[in-house]
C-alpha atoms as a PDB file:
ATOM      1  CA  PRO A   1     -21.903 144.409  71.894  1.00  0.00           C
ATOM      2  CA  MET A   2     -23.261 147.763  72.847  1.00  0.00           C
ATOM      3  CA  ALA A   3     -20.086 149.369  74.039  1.00  0.00           C
ATOM      4  CA  GLY A   4     -19.120 152.469  72.130  1.00  0.00           C
ATOM      5  CA  LEU A   5     -22.452 152.639  70.267  1.00  0.00           C
ATOM      6  CA  ASN A   6     -24.607 155.610  70.153  1.00  0.00           C
ATOM      7  CA  LEU A   7     -28.346 155.361  71.160  1.00  0.00           C
ATOM      8  CA  GLU A   8     -29.570 154.779  67.660  1.00  0.00           C
ATOM      9  CA  GLU A   9     -26.947 152.064  67.148  1.00  0.00           C
ATOM     10  CA  VAL A  10     -27.856 150.400  70.454  1.00  0.00           C
ATOM     11  CA  GLU A  11     -31.491 150.337  69.446  1.00  0.00           C
ATOM     12  CA  ASP A  12     -30.611 148.806  66.014  1.00  0.00           C
ATOM     13  CA  MET A  13     -28.352 146.130  67.695  1.00  0.00           C
ATOM     14  CA  ALA A  14     -31.041 145.297  70.231  1.00  0.00           C
ATOM     15  CA  ARG A  15     -33.712 144.845  67.466  1.00  0.00           C
ATOM     16  CA  PHE A  16     -31.333 142.693  65.433  1.00  0.00           C
ATOM     17  CA  ILE A  17     -30.680 140.442  68.496  1.00  0.00           C
ATOM     18  CA  LEU A  18     -34.418 140.181  69.097  1.00  0.00           C
ATOM     19  CA  ASP A  19     -35.024 139.375  65.448  1.00  0.00           C
ATOM     20  CA  ILE A  20     -32.570 136.535  65.527  1.00  0.00           C
ATOM     21  CA  ASN A  21     -34.002 135.175  68.761  1.00  0.00           C
ATOM     22  CA  GLU A  22     -37.499 135.398  67.528  1.00  0.00           C
ATOM     23  CA  GLU A  23     -36.906 133.667  64.113  1.00  0.00           C
ATOM     24  CA  GLU A  24     -38.595 130.318  64.902  1.00  0.00           C
ATOM     25  CA  ARG A  25     -36.967 128.376  61.893  1.00  0.00           C
ATOM     26  CA  TRP A  26     -33.468 129.073  63.457  1.00  0.00           C
ATOM     27  CA  LYS A  27     -34.358 127.714  66.816  1.00  0.00           C
ATOM     28  CA  VAL A  28     -31.523 129.525  68.615  1.00  0.00           C
ATOM     29  CA  THR A  29     -30.892 130.731  71.963  1.00  0.00           C
ATOM     30  CA  CYS A  30     -28.958 133.977  72.248  1.00  0.00           C
ATOM     31  CA  VAL A  31     -26.409 134.415  75.007  1.00  0.00           C
ATOM     32  CA  LEU A  32     -25.770 138.056  75.655  1.00  0.00           C
ATOM     33  CA  VAL A  33     -22.876 139.385  77.659  1.00  0.00           C
ATOM     34  CA  GLU A  34     -23.673 143.078  78.292  1.00  0.00           C
ATOM     35  CA  HIS A  35     -22.928 145.748  80.974  1.00  0.00           C
ATOM     36  CA  ASP A  36     -25.740 148.039  79.841  1.00  0.00           C
ATOM     37  CA  MET A  37     -28.381 146.764  82.385  1.00  0.00           C
ATOM     38  CA  GLY A  38     -31.102 148.745  80.549  1.00  0.00           C
ATOM     39  CA  VAL A  39     -30.546 146.791  77.323  1.00  0.00           C
ATOM     40  CA  VAL A  40     -30.117 143.458  79.297  1.00  0.00           C
ATOM     41  CA  MET A  41     -33.537 144.057  81.124  1.00  0.00           C
ATOM     42  CA  ASP A  42     -35.283 145.215  77.873  1.00  0.00           C
ATOM     43  CA  ILE A  43     -34.384 142.429  75.601  1.00  0.00           C
ATOM     44  CA  SER A  44     -33.906 139.246  77.833  1.00  0.00           C
ATOM     45  CA  HIS A  45     -36.337 136.502  78.741  1.00  0.00           C
ATOM     46  CA  GLN A  46     -33.917 135.301  81.432  1.00  0.00           C
ATOM     47  CA  VAL A  47     -30.992 136.960  83.118  1.00  0.00           C
ATOM     48  CA  LEU A  48     -28.096 135.660  85.063  1.00  0.00           C
ATOM     49  CA  VAL A  49     -25.944 138.283  86.989  1.00  0.00           C
ATOM     50  CA  LEU A  50     -22.326 137.894  87.835  1.00  0.00           C
ATOM     51  CA  ASP A  51     -20.332 140.092  90.177  1.00  0.00           C
ATOM     52  CA  PHE A  52     -16.539 139.481  89.792  1.00  0.00           C
ATOM     53  CA  GLY A  53     -17.275 136.043  88.267  1.00  0.00           C
ATOM     54  CA  ASN A  54     -19.574 134.818  91.078  1.00  0.00           C
ATOM     55  CA  MET A  55     -23.288 134.319  90.283  1.00  0.00           C
ATOM     56  CA  ILE A  56     -25.468 136.607  92.264  1.00  0.00           C
ATOM     57  CA  THR A  57     -28.857 135.478  90.945  1.00  0.00           C
ATOM     58  CA  ASP A  58     -30.673 134.378  87.914  1.00  0.00           C
ATOM     59  CA  GLY A  59     -34.453 134.668  86.747  1.00  0.00           C
ATOM     60  CA  LEU A  60     -36.866 136.876  85.032  1.00  0.00           C
ATOM     61  CA  PRO A  61     -35.613 140.397  84.354  1.00  0.00           C
ATOM     62  CA  GLN A  62     -38.387 141.968  86.568  1.00  0.00           C
ATOM     63  CA  GLU A  63     -37.249 139.729  89.497  1.00  0.00           C
ATOM     64  CA  VAL A  64     -33.553 140.219  88.970  1.00  0.00           C
ATOM     65  CA  SER A  65     -33.806 143.957  88.878  1.00  0.00           C
ATOM     66  CA  LYS A  66     -35.308 144.012  92.373  1.00  0.00           C
ATOM     67  CA  ASN A  67     -32.687 141.777  93.951  1.00  0.00           C
ATOM     68  CA  PRO A  68     -30.749 143.808  96.579  1.00  0.00           C
ATOM     69  CA  GLN A  69     -27.525 142.130  95.643  1.00  0.00           C
ATOM     70  CA  VAL A  70     -27.884 143.065  92.106  1.00  0.00           C
ATOM     71  CA  VAL A  71     -28.725 146.671  93.110  1.00  0.00           C
ATOM     72  CA  ASN A  72     -25.647 146.929  95.308  1.00  0.00           C
ATOM     73  CA  ALA A  73     -23.340 145.359  92.725  1.00  0.00           C
ATOM     74  CA  TYR A  74     -24.370 147.560  89.861  1.00  0.00           C
ATOM     75  CA  LEU A  75     -25.588 150.791  91.671  1.00  0.00           C
ATOM     76  CA  GLY A  76     -23.317 150.599  94.704  1.00  0.00           C
ATOM     77  CA  GLU A  77     -24.270 150.752  98.463  1.00  0.00           C
ATOM     78  CA  GLU A  78     -25.864 153.782  99.784  1.00  0.00           C
ATOM     79  CA  ASP A  79     -23.271 156.407 100.694  1.00  0.00           C
ATOM     80  CA  LEU A  80     -23.769 157.104 104.395  1.00  0.00           C
ATOM     81  CA  TYR A  81     -22.018 160.430 104.245  1.00  0.00           C
ATOM     82  CA  ILE A  82     -24.475 161.838 101.708  1.00  0.00           C
ATOM     83  CA  THR A  83     -27.493 160.443 103.513  1.00  0.00           C
ATOM     84  CA  ARG A  84     -26.543 162.072 106.763  1.00  0.00           C
ATOM     85  CA  ARG A  85     -26.363 165.596 105.263  1.00  0.00           C
END
């Protein structure tokens, strides 16, 4: 839902999603499909990461963000040419 939004709009949308999720009388679970990993890690209680349709891992955001497969999938492998300079 964050694609094409400016920073202020992203913050508003994230707050809106959190408000829905935190409204106890609604008793809802929010499923968020998002490529902005900063947003995902900031507003999620549980994260499941896919890479080309295959699950890499799931867990708490702080655990998932340290997973080497997640780092590789979303940040890319270290470029050996650059590191040898």
